[in-house]
Amino acid sequence: MSDDAVSPEEVRHVAELARVGLDDDEVDQFTRQFADILEYFETLDEVPEVDREADLTNVMRPDEVRDSLERESALENASETEDGFFKGPNVS
């Protein structure tokens, strides 16, 4: 895949949507990295499919009831709390 598969303008647009500030060097770096990622996906498209039904098994452990943290302990390292809860940034 050529390096122009993802343009610097597209990288800037994605960064703006994610509210991430990038300098010109970072835009160049991400442009190359995005092109590499797209190339990996093209390689995956070349892998032949296998006609086989996968056996589904539960690989998770069973639920166990355990003591949880006290509220004060859970919140002691939080940068902001409000009324006994974590407080995060407003999302627009």
C-alpha atoms as a PDB file:
ATOM      1  CA  MET A   1       0.000   0.000   0.000  1.00  0.00           C
ATOM      2  CA  SER A   2       1.354   3.426  -0.819  1.00  0.00           C
ATOM      3  CA  ASP A   3       1.881   6.126   1.783  1.00  0.00           C
ATOM      4  CA  ASP A   4      -0.865   8.234   0.182  1.00  0.00           C
ATOM      5  CA  ALA A   5      -3.537   5.729   1.275  1.00  0.00           C
ATOM      6  CA  VAL A   6      -4.171   8.076   4.197  1.00  0.00           C
ATOM      7  CA  SER A   7      -3.585  11.764   3.688  1.00  0.00           C
ATOM      8  CA  PRO A   8      -2.224  14.159   6.304  1.00  0.00           C
ATOM      9  CA  GLU A   9      -5.511  16.063   6.018  1.00  0.00           C
ATOM     10  CA  GLU A  10      -7.426  12.908   6.999  1.00  0.00           C
ATOM     11  CA  VAL A  11      -5.123  12.417   9.983  1.00  0.00           C
ATOM     12  CA  ARG A  12      -5.685  16.032  11.049  1.00  0.00           C
ATOM     13  CA  HIS A  13      -9.453  15.547  10.659  1.00  0.00           C
ATOM     14  CA  VAL A  14      -9.470  12.404  12.814  1.00  0.00           C
ATOM     15  CA  ALA A  15      -7.287  14.146  15.408  1.00  0.00           C
ATOM     16  CA  GLU A  16      -9.700  17.084  15.471  1.00  0.00           C
ATOM     17  CA  LEU A  17     -12.668  14.741  15.964  1.00  0.00           C
ATOM     18  CA  ALA A  18     -10.798  13.080  18.836  1.00  0.00           C
ATOM     19  CA  ARG A  19      -9.827  16.499  20.177  1.00  0.00           C
ATOM     20  CA  VAL A  20      -6.139  15.602  19.988  1.00  0.00           C
ATOM     21  CA  GLY A  21      -3.605  18.238  19.054  1.00  0.00           C
ATOM     22  CA  LEU A  22      -0.890  17.000  16.693  1.00  0.00           C
ATOM     23  CA  ASP A  23       2.157  18.849  15.411  1.00  0.00           C
ATOM     24  CA  ASP A  24       3.389  18.338  11.833  1.00  0.00           C
ATOM     25  CA  ASP A  25       5.858  15.589  12.817  1.00  0.00           C
ATOM     26  CA  GLU A  26       3.119  13.659  14.615  1.00  0.00           C
ATOM     27  CA  VAL A  27       0.790  14.042  11.626  1.00  0.00           C
ATOM     28  CA  ASP A  28       3.501  12.558   9.392  1.00  0.00           C
ATOM     29  CA  GLN A  29       4.105   9.717  11.854  1.00  0.00           C
ATOM     30  CA  PHE A  30       0.393   8.869  12.156  1.00  0.00           C
ATOM     31  CA  THR A  31      -0.064   9.103   8.380  1.00  0.00           C
ATOM     32  CA  ARG A  32       2.578   6.389   7.944  1.00  0.00           C
ATOM     33  CA  GLN A  33       1.179   4.308  10.810  1.00  0.00           C
ATOM     34  CA  PHE A  34      -2.382   4.458   9.455  1.00  0.00           C
ATOM     35  CA  ALA A  35      -1.098   3.355   6.051  1.00  0.00           C
ATOM     36  CA  ASP A  36       0.688   0.415   7.704  1.00  0.00           C
ATOM     37  CA  ILE A  37      -2.474  -0.556   9.589  1.00  0.00           C
ATOM     38  CA  LEU A  38      -4.535  -0.493   6.392  1.00  0.00           C
ATOM     39  CA  GLU A  39      -1.889  -2.649   4.726  1.00  0.00           C
ATOM     40  CA  TYR A  40      -2.225  -5.198   7.548  1.00  0.00           C
ATOM     41  CA  PHE A  41      -5.975  -5.322   6.951  1.00  0.00           C
ATOM     42  CA  GLU A  42      -5.388  -5.944   3.248  1.00  0.00           C
ATOM     43  CA  THR A  43      -3.093  -8.824   4.198  1.00  0.00           C
ATOM     44  CA  LEU A  44      -5.805 -10.260   6.439  1.00  0.00           C
ATOM     45  CA  ASP A  45      -8.246 -10.107   3.530  1.00  0.00           C
ATOM     46  CA  GLU A  46      -5.951 -12.514   1.671  1.00  0.00           C
ATOM     47  CA  VAL A  47      -6.189 -15.193   4.372  1.00  0.00           C
ATOM     48  CA  PRO A  48      -8.463 -17.966   3.166  1.00  0.00           C
ATOM     49  CA  GLU A  49     -11.632 -18.636   5.094  1.00  0.00           C
ATOM     50  CA  VAL A  50     -12.058 -21.958   6.805  1.00  0.00           C
ATOM     51  CA  ASP A  51     -15.348 -23.825   6.555  1.00  0.00           C
ATOM     52  CA  ARG A  52     -15.651 -24.972  10.131  1.00  0.00           C
ATOM     53  CA  GLU A  53     -18.099 -24.256  12.868  1.00  0.00           C
ATOM     54  CA  ALA A  54     -16.271 -23.179  15.974  1.00  0.00           C
ATOM     55  CA  ASP A  55     -17.138 -24.939  19.190  1.00  0.00           C
ATOM     56  CA  LEU A  56     -18.312 -22.282  21.579  1.00  0.00           C
ATOM     57  CA  THR A  57     -17.250 -22.778  25.147  1.00  0.00           C
ATOM     58  CA  ASN A  58     -17.437 -20.548  28.166  1.00  0.00           C
ATOM     59  CA  VAL A  59     -13.880 -19.599  29.062  1.00  0.00           C
ATOM     60  CA  MET A  60     -14.920 -17.227  31.812  1.00  0.00           C
ATOM     61  CA  ARG A  61     -14.631 -18.091  35.463  1.00  0.00           C
ATOM     62  CA  PRO A  62     -17.850 -18.453  37.435  1.00  0.00           C
ATOM     63  CA  ASP A  63     -19.061 -15.383  39.278  1.00  0.00           C
ATOM     64  CA  GLU A  64     -17.952 -15.161  42.869  1.00  0.00           C
ATOM     65  CA  VAL A  65     -19.334 -12.875  45.538  1.00  0.00           C
ATOM     66  CA  ARG A  66     -16.504 -10.899  47.125  1.00  0.00           C
ATOM     67  CA  ASP A  67     -16.207  -7.905  49.400  1.00  0.00           C
ATOM     68  CA  SER A  68     -15.915  -4.642  47.508  1.00  0.00           C
ATOM     69  CA  LEU A  69     -14.009  -1.495  48.364  1.00  0.00           C
ATOM     70  CA  GLU A  70     -15.481   0.968  50.773  1.00  0.00           C
ATOM     71  CA  ARG A  71     -16.647   4.092  48.961  1.00  0.00           C
ATOM     72  CA  GLU A  72     -14.022   6.280  50.643  1.00  0.00           C
ATOM     73  CA  SER A  73     -11.220   3.919  49.601  1.00  0.00           C
ATOM     74  CA  ALA A  74     -12.437   3.812  46.011  1.00  0.00           C
ATOM     75  CA  LEU A  75     -12.662   7.609  45.778  1.00  0.00           C
ATOM     76  CA  GLU A  76      -9.505   8.578  47.673  1.00  0.00           C
ATOM     77  CA  ASN A  77      -7.332   8.895  44.530  1.00  0.00           C
ATOM     78  CA  ALA A  78     -10.010  10.461  42.312  1.00  0.00           C
ATOM     79  CA  SER A  79      -9.136  13.896  41.016  1.00  0.00           C
ATOM     80  CA  GLU A  80     -12.764  15.026  41.435  1.00  0.00           C
ATOM     81  CA  THR A  81     -15.763  13.641  43.272  1.00  0.00           C
ATOM     82  CA  GLU A  82     -19.287  14.852  43.790  1.00  0.00           C
ATOM     83  CA  ASP A  83     -21.843  13.564  46.299  1.00  0.00           C
ATOM     84  CA  GLY A  84     -19.824  10.381  46.878  1.00  0.00           C
ATOM     85  CA  PHE A  85     -19.345   9.566  43.182  1.00  0.00           C
ATOM     86  CA  PHE A  86     -16.526   9.916  40.645  1.00  0.00           C
ATOM     87  CA  LYS A  87     -16.877  13.102  38.643  1.00  0.00           C
ATOM     88  CA  GLY A  88     -15.715  13.136  35.051  1.00  0.00           C
ATOM     89  CA  PRO A  89     -15.520  15.833  32.404  1.00  0.00           C
ATOM     90  CA  ASN A  90     -18.658  17.044  30.655  1.00  0.00           C
ATOM     91  CA  VAL A  91     -19.135  15.376  27.300  1.00  0.00           C
ATOM     92  CA  SER A  92     -20.666  17.409  24.532  1.00  0.00           C
END
